[in-house]
Amino acid sequence: MRVKLDENLGRRGVDAFRAAGHDVDTVVDEGLASAPDDEVRIAATGAQRVLVTLDLDFANPFRHPPGPTAGIAVLRLPEPLTPAVIGTAVSVLLAELARQDIAGRLWIAELDRIRIYEPES
């Protein structure tokens, strides 16, 4: 799967997705660090990559509709945000990505589950 990781996931996120066999690009690699959310979503969509982020703004399907995307995955995590907490959520997300297709959907990944938003057809 082709994935674009937002800048807030760091090197460990990149390593975890690559270890799971995914083709990973990052917002930082593309020179989009601190870019507006719309620009990040458009870049991920144009490259046909699933956007994975900690930015809760992407959890709003009216602001960032998942329908035309390869998928949007938002990690919704408790504070304090530690590498271990992020790692747990990434593991939950990777396990679900291995089971089903995220294309055109919004997934909210938590520490113990994935909530799925599917736009109405």
Protein backbone atom coordinates (compact mmCIF):
# COMPACT_ATOMS: atom_id res chain seq x y z
CA MET A 1 0.00 0.00 0.00
CA ARG A 2 1.16 3.53 -0.75
CA VAL A 3 1.17 5.70 2.38
CA LYS A 4 1.92 9.35 3.13
CA LEU A 5 2.78 9.98 6.77
CA ASP A 6 2.18 13.42 8.22
CA GLU A 7 5.11 15.15 9.88
CA ASN A 8 3.79 14.41 13.36
CA LEU A 9 4.46 10.64 13.15
CA GLY A 10 8.23 10.80 13.07
CA ARG A 11 10.86 8.27 12.10
CA ARG A 12 9.36 5.41 14.13
CA GLY A 13 6.14 5.70 12.15
CA VAL A 14 8.07 5.50 8.90
CA ASP A 15 10.01 2.48 10.13
CA ALA A 16 6.85 0.66 11.30
CA PHE A 17 5.02 1.13 8.00
CA ARG A 18 8.06 0.13 5.95
CA ALA A 19 8.62 -2.94 8.12
CA ALA A 20 5.02 -3.93 7.34
CA GLY A 21 5.84 -3.73 3.62
CA HIS A 22 4.21 -0.41 2.76
CA ASP A 23 5.59 2.15 0.28
CA VAL A 24 6.09 5.19 2.54
CA ASP A 25 6.44 8.85 1.65
CA THR A 26 6.32 11.63 4.23
CA VAL A 27 5.09 15.18 4.27
CA VAL A 28 8.61 16.23 5.28
CA ASP A 29 10.21 14.33 2.35
CA GLU A 30 7.90 16.16 0.00
CA GLY A 31 8.70 19.61 1.43
CA LEU A 32 5.22 20.05 2.89
CA ALA A 33 6.19 20.44 6.56
CA SER A 34 3.87 23.03 8.13
CA ALA A 35 1.80 23.19 4.92
CA PRO A 36 -1.95 23.82 5.23
CA ASP A 37 -4.07 20.70 5.74
CA ASP A 38 -5.79 21.09 2.37
CA GLU A 39 -2.43 21.08 0.62
CA VAL A 40 -1.35 17.92 2.46
CA ARG A 41 -4.61 16.13 1.60
CA ILE A 42 -4.39 17.19 -2.05
CA ALA A 43 -0.78 15.95 -2.28
CA ALA A 44 -1.70 12.57 -0.76
CA THR A 45 -4.74 12.24 -3.03
CA GLY A 46 -2.75 13.20 -6.13
CA ALA A 47 -0.11 10.61 -5.32
CA GLN A 48 -2.80 8.00 -4.54
CA ARG A 49 -1.45 7.53 -1.01
CA VAL A 50 -3.31 6.85 2.21
CA LEU A 51 -2.80 9.84 4.53
CA VAL A 52 -1.88 8.85 8.09
CA THR A 53 -1.80 11.64 10.68
CA LEU A 54 -2.21 12.66 14.30
CA ASP A 55 -3.87 15.91 13.18
CA LEU A 56 -7.47 15.69 14.41
CA ASP A 57 -8.60 18.27 11.84
CA PHE A 58 -8.50 15.44 9.28
CA ALA A 59 -11.13 13.58 11.33
CA ASN A 60 -13.79 15.96 9.99
CA PRO A 61 -15.19 14.27 6.86
CA PHE A 62 -16.98 17.46 5.79
CA ARG A 63 -13.74 19.47 5.80
CA HIS A 64 -11.63 16.61 4.41
CA PRO A 65 -13.95 14.26 2.50
CA PRO A 66 -12.41 10.80 2.26
CA GLY A 67 -14.42 9.72 -0.81
CA PRO A 68 -11.95 10.84 -3.49
CA THR A 69 -8.87 9.78 -1.49
CA ALA A 70 -6.91 6.55 -1.12
CA GLY A 71 -8.04 6.82 2.50
CA ILE A 72 -7.41 8.94 5.58
CA ALA A 73 -6.32 7.45 8.90
CA VAL A 74 -6.28 9.69 11.96
CA LEU A 75 -4.63 8.45 15.14
CA ARG A 76 -6.72 9.71 18.06
CA LEU A 77 -4.61 9.15 21.14
CA PRO A 78 -4.67 9.96 24.86
CA GLU A 79 -2.25 12.35 26.49
CA PRO A 80 0.59 12.21 27.26
CA LEU A 81 1.57 11.41 23.71
CA THR A 82 4.59 9.12 23.96
CA PRO A 83 6.42 6.99 21.40
CA ALA A 84 4.89 3.89 23.05
CA VAL A 85 1.34 5.26 22.69
CA ILE A 86 1.93 6.18 19.05
CA GLY A 87 3.49 2.76 18.43
CA THR A 88 0.46 0.97 19.88
CA ALA A 89 -1.96 2.91 17.67
CA VAL A 90 0.22 2.36 14.60
CA SER A 91 0.17 -1.39 15.32
CA VAL A 92 -3.65 -1.36 15.57
CA LEU A 93 -3.84 0.56 12.29
CA LEU A 94 -1.39 -1.73 10.49
CA ALA A 95 -3.31 -4.82 11.60
CA GLU A 96 -6.56 -3.41 10.23
CA LEU A 97 -4.93 -2.28 6.96
CA ALA A 98 -3.89 -5.91 6.45
CA ARG A 99 -7.54 -6.99 6.79
CA GLN A 100 -9.50 -4.44 4.80
CA ASP A 101 -9.32 -1.64 2.27
CA ILE A 102 -9.28 1.95 3.49
CA ALA A 103 -9.77 3.57 0.06
CA GLY A 104 -12.41 6.30 0.13
CA ARG A 105 -12.89 5.98 3.88
CA LEU A 106 -11.92 7.78 7.06
CA TRP A 107 -10.54 5.63 9.85
CA ILE A 108 -10.07 6.89 13.38
CA ALA A 109 -7.46 4.68 15.03
CA GLU A 110 -7.45 4.46 18.79
CA LEU A 111 -5.41 2.26 21.10
CA ASP A 112 -7.89 -0.61 21.00
CA ARG A 113 -10.10 -0.11 17.94
CA ILE A 114 -10.70 1.51 14.57
CA ARG A 115 -13.82 3.58 13.96
CA ILE A 116 -14.71 3.71 10.26
CA TYR A 117 -16.55 6.49 8.46
CA GLU A 118 -17.84 5.62 5.03
CA PRO A 119 -19.34 8.43 2.99
CA GLU A 120 -22.84 7.88 1.68
CA SER A 121 -22.92 6.87 -1.97
